[in-house]
Amino acid sequence: MTDADLPLEHVTIPPRTDVEGAPPGVFVLHGRGANEEDLLPIAQRLPEELFVVSLRAPDRLMGGYTWYELDLSDGGLHGSQPHSEEFRRSLDLVTESVAGAIDAYAIDPERVGLLGFSQGAIASLSLLVESPAEYAWVVALHGYLAASHADREPEGIEGKPVFVAAGSGDQVIPAGRVQASADRLRELGCDVEGETYDSAHGVGPDELADLVAWVETRLG
């Protein structure tokens, strides 16, 4: 189902159970080089009352898409940051797409979550810091809080639930970088859960089970 005309291409999974009133929603942001279908196997494991909107990044990259190019001026891949102009454009496109989808699909604006992997997780955490009132919870898998947002002190972020996951064998985004971002989110007052899993740059079964249980708790 891809009905609404949003700034970003997308696919949806409507609620798979009866929902009284407007359903809660989750916006899914894939990683570098993937597409809007990449994280659907994860999304399909989430609670059935969720309206899932999986967004496609705006720029092509080989066989997939990317949210931004990497700024490698600070020490190569492990010290990379998002290219600032492209990152800003993608964050704006996601924000506009979220607003359009909430209206088009009658999603409850008070119960909107973000779920991102890698670049999608980096974007998700940045969106939370920019506009904490817009998101009820965030799942950030194998990503970090971008330097452009790490020093912000946003109002209204206290108590926001965030699930952060890292991989002990992740050679793309090392676990230490993820955990440092989790610590910063705790400093800001977020309710951060999650851990480092015995995995590389991907979502293993233990991580998937934990994040699904965590989202179920958020929806009550």
C-alpha atoms as a PDB file:
ATOM      1  CA  MET A   1       0.000   0.000   0.000  1.00  0.00           C
ATOM      2  CA  THR A   2       1.538   3.296  -1.156  1.00  0.00           C
ATOM      3  CA  ASP A   3      -1.283   5.776  -1.560  1.00  0.00           C
ATOM      4  CA  ALA A   4      -0.309   9.149  -0.137  1.00  0.00           C
ATOM      5  CA  ASP A   5       1.760  11.648  -2.103  1.00  0.00           C
ATOM      6  CA  LEU A   6       4.575  12.317   0.360  1.00  0.00           C
ATOM      7  CA  PRO A   7       7.913  14.077  -0.194  1.00  0.00           C
ATOM      8  CA  LEU A   8       9.634  10.680   0.209  1.00  0.00           C
ATOM      9  CA  GLU A   9       8.718   7.430  -1.503  1.00  0.00           C
ATOM     10  CA  HIS A  10       7.384   4.928   1.003  1.00  0.00           C
ATOM     11  CA  VAL A  11       5.561   1.704   1.678  1.00  0.00           C
ATOM     12  CA  THR A  12       3.044   1.087   4.421  1.00  0.00           C
ATOM     13  CA  ILE A  13       1.754  -1.731   6.586  1.00  0.00           C
ATOM     14  CA  PRO A  14      -1.671  -0.801   7.964  1.00  0.00           C
ATOM     15  CA  PRO A  15      -2.745  -2.162  11.352  1.00  0.00           C
ATOM     16  CA  ARG A  16      -3.319  -5.908  11.212  1.00  0.00           C
ATOM     17  CA  THR A  17      -5.862  -5.832  14.010  1.00  0.00           C
ATOM     18  CA  ASP A  18      -8.877  -3.707  14.864  1.00  0.00           C
ATOM     19  CA  VAL A  19      -7.913  -0.383  16.429  1.00  0.00           C
ATOM     20  CA  GLU A  20     -10.332   1.930  18.188  1.00  0.00           C
ATOM     21  CA  GLY A  21      -9.778   5.440  16.912  1.00  0.00           C
ATOM     22  CA  ALA A  22      -6.607   6.642  15.196  1.00  0.00           C
ATOM     23  CA  PRO A  23      -3.826   4.026  15.295  1.00  0.00           C
ATOM     24  CA  PRO A  24      -0.346   4.642  16.662  1.00  0.00           C
ATOM     25  CA  GLY A  25       2.327   4.879  13.998  1.00  0.00           C
ATOM     26  CA  VAL A  26       5.984   4.132  13.446  1.00  0.00           C
ATOM     27  CA  PHE A  27       8.169   5.661  10.755  1.00  0.00           C
ATOM     28  CA  VAL A  28      10.964   3.374   9.618  1.00  0.00           C
ATOM     29  CA  LEU A  29      14.277   4.733   8.278  1.00  0.00           C
ATOM     30  CA  HIS A  30      16.616   2.285   6.548  1.00  0.00           C
ATOM     31  CA  GLY A  31      20.411   2.284   6.423  1.00  0.00           C
ATOM     32  CA  ARG A  32      22.897   3.393   3.779  1.00  0.00           C
ATOM     33  CA  GLY A  33      22.529   1.575   0.467  1.00  0.00           C
ATOM     34  CA  ALA A  34      19.216  -0.080   1.359  1.00  0.00           C
ATOM     35  CA  ASN A  35      15.632   0.904   0.561  1.00  0.00           C
ATOM     36  CA  GLU A  36      12.191   1.248   2.085  1.00  0.00           C
ATOM     37  CA  GLU A  37      11.612  -2.522   2.066  1.00  0.00           C
ATOM     38  CA  ASP A  38      14.811  -3.467   3.883  1.00  0.00           C
ATOM     39  CA  LEU A  39      13.457  -3.187   7.434  1.00  0.00           C
ATOM     40  CA  LEU A  40       9.967  -4.531   6.721  1.00  0.00           C
ATOM     41  CA  PRO A  41      10.785  -7.949   8.264  1.00  0.00           C
ATOM     42  CA  ILE A  42      11.467  -6.088  11.524  1.00  0.00           C
ATOM     43  CA  ALA A  43       8.413  -3.869  11.155  1.00  0.00           C
ATOM     44  CA  GLN A  44       6.204  -6.917  10.620  1.00  0.00           C
ATOM     45  CA  ARG A  45       7.255  -8.214  14.037  1.00  0.00           C
ATOM     46  CA  LEU A  46       6.061  -5.057  15.788  1.00  0.00           C
ATOM     47  CA  PRO A  47       2.662  -4.852  17.514  1.00  0.00           C
ATOM     48  CA  GLU A  48      -0.196  -5.324  15.086  1.00  0.00           C
ATOM     49  CA  GLU A  49      -1.964  -2.089  16.045  1.00  0.00           C
ATOM     50  CA  LEU A  50       0.842   0.031  14.592  1.00  0.00           C
ATOM     51  CA  PHE A  51       0.500   1.789  11.266  1.00  0.00           C
ATOM     52  CA  VAL A  52       3.949   1.344   9.695  1.00  0.00           C
ATOM     53  CA  VAL A  53       5.330   3.869   7.216  1.00  0.00           C
ATOM     54  CA  SER A  54       8.728   2.899   5.830  1.00  0.00           C
ATOM     55  CA  LEU A  55      10.436   5.808   4.064  1.00  0.00           C
ATOM     56  CA  ARG A  56      12.978   5.688   1.226  1.00  0.00           C
ATOM     57  CA  ALA A  57      16.052   7.926   1.450  1.00  0.00           C
ATOM     58  CA  PRO A  58      16.190  10.594  -1.276  1.00  0.00           C
ATOM     59  CA  ASP A  59      19.496   9.845  -3.030  1.00  0.00           C
ATOM     60  CA  ARG A  60      20.535   6.802  -5.031  1.00  0.00           C
ATOM     61  CA  LEU A  61      23.550   4.777  -3.967  1.00  0.00           C
ATOM     62  CA  MET A  62      24.398   1.833  -6.206  1.00  0.00           C
ATOM     63  CA  GLY A  63      21.453  -0.558  -5.895  1.00  0.00           C
ATOM     64  CA  GLY A  64      19.819   1.330  -3.023  1.00  0.00           C
ATOM     65  CA  TYR A  65      19.481   4.752  -1.462  1.00  0.00           C
ATOM     66  CA  THR A  66      21.246   6.948   1.069  1.00  0.00           C
ATOM     67  CA  TRP A  67      20.201   9.744   3.414  1.00  0.00           C
ATOM     68  CA  TYR A  68      23.520  11.564   2.997  1.00  0.00           C
ATOM     69  CA  GLU A  69      27.143  11.172   2.001  1.00  0.00           C
ATOM     70  CA  LEU A  70      29.753  10.733   4.708  1.00  0.00           C
ATOM     71  CA  ASP A  71      32.084  13.458   5.938  1.00  0.00           C
ATOM     72  CA  LEU A  72      35.298  11.510   6.559  1.00  0.00           C
ATOM     73  CA  SER A  73      37.467  14.487   7.507  1.00  0.00           C
ATOM     74  CA  ASP A  74      37.567  13.512  11.186  1.00  0.00           C
ATOM     75  CA  GLY A  75      39.373  10.199  11.019  1.00  0.00           C
ATOM     76  CA  GLY A  76      37.819   7.947   8.394  1.00  0.00           C
ATOM     77  CA  LEU A  77      34.757   5.736   8.694  1.00  0.00           C
ATOM     78  CA  HIS A  78      34.802   5.312  12.471  1.00  0.00           C
ATOM     79  CA  GLY A  79      34.889   9.069  12.969  1.00  0.00           C
ATOM     80  CA  SER A  80      32.557   9.936  10.116  1.00  0.00           C
ATOM     81  CA  GLN A  81      29.713  12.415  10.375  1.00  0.00           C
ATOM     82  CA  PRO A  82      26.799  13.182   8.061  1.00  0.00           C
ATOM     83  CA  HIS A  83      27.483  15.645   5.264  1.00  0.00           C
ATOM     84  CA  SER A  84      25.784  18.693   6.756  1.00  0.00           C
ATOM     85  CA  GLU A  85      23.761  20.016   3.797  1.00  0.00           C
ATOM     86  CA  GLU A  86      22.525  16.601   2.687  1.00  0.00           C
ATOM     87  CA  PHE A  87      21.718  15.636   6.275  1.00  0.00           C
ATOM     88  CA  ARG A  88      19.688  18.814   6.765  1.00  0.00           C
ATOM     89  CA  ARG A  89      17.752  18.164   3.562  1.00  0.00           C
ATOM     90  CA  SER A  90      16.970  14.575   4.582  1.00  0.00           C
ATOM     91  CA  LEU A  91      15.839  15.556   8.073  1.00  0.00           C
ATOM     92  CA  ASP A  92      13.500  18.140   6.556  1.00  0.00           C
ATOM     93  CA  LEU A  93      12.132  15.613   4.061  1.00  0.00           C
ATOM     94  CA  VAL A  94      11.469  13.095   6.834  1.00  0.00           C
ATOM     95  CA  THR A  95       9.745  15.748   8.944  1.00  0.00           C
ATOM     96  CA  GLU A  96       7.530  16.764   6.028  1.00  0.00           C
ATOM     97  CA  SER A  97       6.771  13.130   5.189  1.00  0.00           C
ATOM     98  CA  VAL A  98       5.836  12.318   8.782  1.00  0.00           C
ATOM     99  CA  ALA A  99       3.440  15.261   8.900  1.00  0.00           C
ATOM    100  CA  GLY A 100       1.909  14.308   5.552  1.00  0.00           C
ATOM    101  CA  ALA A 101       1.499  10.656   6.496  1.00  0.00           C
ATOM    102  CA  ILE A 102      -0.117  11.463   9.837  1.00  0.00           C
ATOM    103  CA  ASP A 103      -2.752  13.428   7.951  1.00  0.00           C
ATOM    104  CA  ALA A 104      -3.148  11.080   4.976  1.00  0.00           C
ATOM    105  CA  TYR A 105      -3.337   7.856   6.975  1.00  0.00           C
ATOM    106  CA  ALA A 106      -5.128   9.268  10.047  1.00  0.00           C
ATOM    107  CA  ILE A 107      -2.330   8.239  12.422  1.00  0.00           C
ATOM    108  CA  ASP A 108      -2.561   9.391  16.028  1.00  0.00           C
ATOM    109  CA  PRO A 109      -0.064  12.303  16.224  1.00  0.00           C
ATOM    110  CA  GLU A 110       0.393  11.739  19.955  1.00  0.00           C
ATOM    111  CA  ARG A 111       1.638   8.166  19.426  1.00  0.00           C
ATOM    112  CA  VAL A 112       4.266   8.388  16.714  1.00  0.00           C
ATOM    113  CA  GLY A 113       7.544   6.502  16.974  1.00  0.00           C
ATOM    114  CA  LEU A 114      10.716   6.346  14.894  1.00  0.00           C
ATOM    115  CA  LEU A 115      12.704   3.205  14.118  1.00  0.00           C
ATOM    116  CA  GLY A 116      15.998   3.555  12.304  1.00  0.00           C
ATOM    117  CA  PHE A 117      19.015   1.436  11.450  1.00  0.00           C
ATOM    118  CA  SER A 118      22.522   2.867  10.883  1.00  0.00           C
ATOM    119  CA  GLN A 119      22.036   6.115   8.912  1.00  0.00           C
ATOM    120  CA  GLY A 120      18.333   5.823   9.693  1.00  0.00           C
ATOM    121  CA  ALA A 121      19.131   5.583  13.409  1.00  0.00           C
ATOM    122  CA  ILE A 122      21.400   8.635  13.192  1.00  0.00           C
ATOM    123  CA  ALA A 123      18.597  10.569  11.515  1.00  0.00           C
ATOM    124  CA  SER A 124      16.028   9.316  14.047  1.00  0.00           C
ATOM    125  CA  LEU A 125      18.051  10.446  17.067  1.00  0.00           C
ATOM    126  CA  SER A 126      18.670  13.831  15.477  1.00  0.00           C
ATOM    127  CA  LEU A 127      14.955  14.276  14.770  1.00  0.00           C
ATOM    128  CA  LEU A 128      14.161  13.445  18.387  1.00  0.00           C
ATOM    129  CA  VAL A 129      16.615  16.049  19.648  1.00  0.00           C
ATOM    130  CA  GLU A 130      15.262  18.634  17.201  1.00  0.00           C
ATOM    131  CA  SER A 131      11.582  18.047  17.972  1.00  0.00           C
ATOM    132  CA  PRO A 132      11.058  15.852  21.045  1.00  0.00           C
ATOM    133  CA  ALA A 133       7.377  16.781  21.266  1.00  0.00           C
ATOM    134  CA  GLU A 134       6.725  15.183  17.874  1.00  0.00           C
ATOM    135  CA  TYR A 135       7.815  11.659  18.817  1.00  0.00           C
ATOM    136  CA  ALA A 136       6.602   9.372  21.586  1.00  0.00           C
ATOM    137  CA  TRP A 137       9.574   6.982  21.371  1.00  0.00           C
ATOM    138  CA  VAL A 138      12.590   6.120  19.229  1.00  0.00           C
ATOM    139  CA  VAL A 139      14.399   2.886  18.346  1.00  0.00           C
ATOM    140  CA  ALA A 140      17.980   3.537  17.180  1.00  0.00           C
ATOM    141  CA  LEU A 141      19.831   0.447  15.938  1.00  0.00           C
ATOM    142  CA  HIS A 142      23.582   0.654  15.295  1.00  0.00           C
ATOM    143  CA  GLY A 143      23.631   4.440  15.038  1.00  0.00           C
ATOM    144  CA  TYR A 144      24.811   7.479  16.967  1.00  0.00           C
ATOM    145  CA  LEU A 145      23.807  11.048  17.770  1.00  0.00           C
ATOM    146  CA  ALA A 146      25.382  13.267  15.108  1.00  0.00           C
ATOM    147  CA  ALA A 147      27.843  15.925  16.249  1.00  0.00           C
ATOM    148  CA  SER A 148      25.549  18.576  14.784  1.00  0.00           C
ATOM    149  CA  HIS A 149      22.954  17.652  17.421  1.00  0.00           C
ATOM    150  CA  ALA A 150      24.968  16.288  20.340  1.00  0.00           C
ATOM    151  CA  ASP A 151      25.393  19.642  22.085  1.00  0.00           C
ATOM    152  CA  ARG A 152      21.755  20.677  21.900  1.00  0.00           C
ATOM    153  CA  GLU A 153      19.731  21.055  25.085  1.00  0.00           C
ATOM    154  CA  PRO A 154      16.143  20.624  23.869  1.00  0.00           C
ATOM    155  CA  GLU A 155      13.174  21.303  26.079  1.00  0.00           C
ATOM    156  CA  GLY A 156      10.684  18.486  26.503  1.00  0.00           C
ATOM    157  CA  ILE A 157      13.087  15.605  25.912  1.00  0.00           C
ATOM    158  CA  GLU A 158      13.136  14.520  29.555  1.00  0.00           C
ATOM    159  CA  GLY A 159      11.682  11.049  29.977  1.00  0.00           C
ATOM    160  CA  LYS A 160      11.486  10.267  26.262  1.00  0.00           C
ATOM    161  CA  PRO A 161      11.873   6.503  25.788  1.00  0.00           C
ATOM    162  CA  VAL A 162      14.769   5.490  23.533  1.00  0.00           C
ATOM    163  CA  PHE A 163      15.961   1.974  22.685  1.00  0.00           C
ATOM    164  CA  VAL A 164      19.613   1.955  21.611  1.00  0.00           C
ATOM    165  CA  ALA A 165      21.362  -1.153  20.279  1.00  0.00           C
ATOM    166  CA  ALA A 166      24.972  -1.757  19.260  1.00  0.00           C
ATOM    167  CA  GLY A 167      26.976  -4.721  17.985  1.00  0.00           C
ATOM    168  CA  SER A 168      30.183  -5.890  19.641  1.00  0.00           C
ATOM    169  CA  GLY A 169      31.517  -6.898  16.225  1.00  0.00           C
ATOM    170  CA  ASP A 170      30.214  -3.880  14.322  1.00  0.00           C
ATOM    171  CA  GLN A 171      33.029  -2.629  12.073  1.00  0.00           C
ATOM    172  CA  VAL A 172      30.918   0.174  10.574  1.00  0.00           C
ATOM    173  CA  ILE A 173      29.643   1.947  13.692  1.00  0.00           C
ATOM    174  CA  PRO A 174      31.596   0.653  16.699  1.00  0.00           C
ATOM    175  CA  ALA A 175      29.728  -0.157  19.887  1.00  0.00           C
ATOM    176  CA  GLY A 176      31.632   2.487  21.834  1.00  0.00           C
ATOM    177  CA  ARG A 177      30.290   5.192  19.578  1.00  0.00           C
ATOM    178  CA  VAL A 178      26.733   3.998  20.075  1.00  0.00           C
ATOM    179  CA  GLN A 179      27.133   3.792  23.841  1.00  0.00           C
ATOM    180  CA  ALA A 180      28.623   7.292  24.013  1.00  0.00           C
ATOM    181  CA  SER A 181      25.504   8.602  22.299  1.00  0.00           C
ATOM    182  CA  ALA A 182      23.313   6.632  24.709  1.00  0.00           C
ATOM    183  CA  ASP A 183      25.158   8.273  27.597  1.00  0.00           C
ATOM    184  CA  ARG A 184      24.547  11.703  26.087  1.00  0.00           C
ATOM    185  CA  LEU A 185      20.844  10.968  25.721  1.00  0.00           C
ATOM    186  CA  ARG A 186      20.741   9.959  29.375  1.00  0.00           C
ATOM    187  CA  GLU A 187      22.382  13.266  30.278  1.00  0.00           C
ATOM    188  CA  LEU A 188      19.568  15.012  28.425  1.00  0.00           C
ATOM    189  CA  GLY A 189      17.047  13.085  30.518  1.00  0.00           C
ATOM    190  CA  CYS A 190      15.914  10.427  28.052  1.00  0.00           C
ATOM    191  CA  ASP A 191      14.785   7.058  29.381  1.00  0.00           C
ATOM    192  CA  VAL A 192      17.370   4.967  27.509  1.00  0.00           C
ATOM    193  CA  GLU A 193      17.318   1.170  27.347  1.00  0.00           C
ATOM    194  CA  GLY A 194      19.168  -1.358  25.220  1.00  0.00           C
ATOM    195  CA  GLU A 195      22.578  -2.988  25.142  1.00  0.00           C
ATOM    196  CA  THR A 196      25.481  -4.214  23.069  1.00  0.00           C
ATOM    197  CA  TYR A 197      24.730  -7.480  21.279  1.00  0.00           C
ATOM    198  CA  ASP A 198      27.046 -10.177  19.961  1.00  0.00           C
ATOM    199  CA  SER A 199      26.586  -9.084  16.361  1.00  0.00           C
ATOM    200  CA  ALA A 200      28.131  -7.156  13.491  1.00  0.00           C
ATOM    201  CA  HIS A 201      26.408  -4.372  11.525  1.00  0.00           C
ATOM    202  CA  GLY A 202      23.011  -6.012  11.502  1.00  0.00           C
ATOM    203  CA  VAL A 203      20.082  -6.959  13.717  1.00  0.00           C
ATOM    204  CA  GLY A 204      20.371 -10.393  15.315  1.00  0.00           C
ATOM    205  CA  PRO A 205      17.566 -12.460  16.877  1.00  0.00           C
ATOM    206  CA  ASP A 206      18.242 -11.371  20.473  1.00  0.00           C
ATOM    207  CA  GLU A 207      18.286  -7.710  19.483  1.00  0.00           C
ATOM    208  CA  LEU A 208      15.088  -8.111  17.487  1.00  0.00           C
ATOM    209  CA  ALA A 209      13.300  -9.854  20.353  1.00  0.00           C
ATOM    210  CA  ASP A 210      14.344  -7.136  22.797  1.00  0.00           C
ATOM    211  CA  LEU A 211      13.305  -4.235  20.587  1.00  0.00           C
ATOM    212  CA  VAL A 212       9.930  -5.824  19.824  1.00  0.00           C
ATOM    213  CA  ALA A 213       9.273  -6.360  23.539  1.00  0.00           C
ATOM    214  CA  TRP A 214      10.356  -2.790  24.221  1.00  0.00           C
ATOM    215  CA  VAL A 215       7.957  -1.352  21.635  1.00  0.00           C
ATOM    216  CA  GLU A 216       5.151  -3.505  23.011  1.00  0.00           C
ATOM    217  CA  THR A 217       5.764  -1.954  26.426  1.00  0.00           C
ATOM    218  CA  ARG A 218       5.706   1.563  24.955  1.00  0.00           C
ATOM    219  CA  LEU A 219       2.270   0.922  23.453  1.00  0.00           C
ATOM    220  CA  GLY A 220       1.015  -0.451  26.759  1.00  0.00           C
END
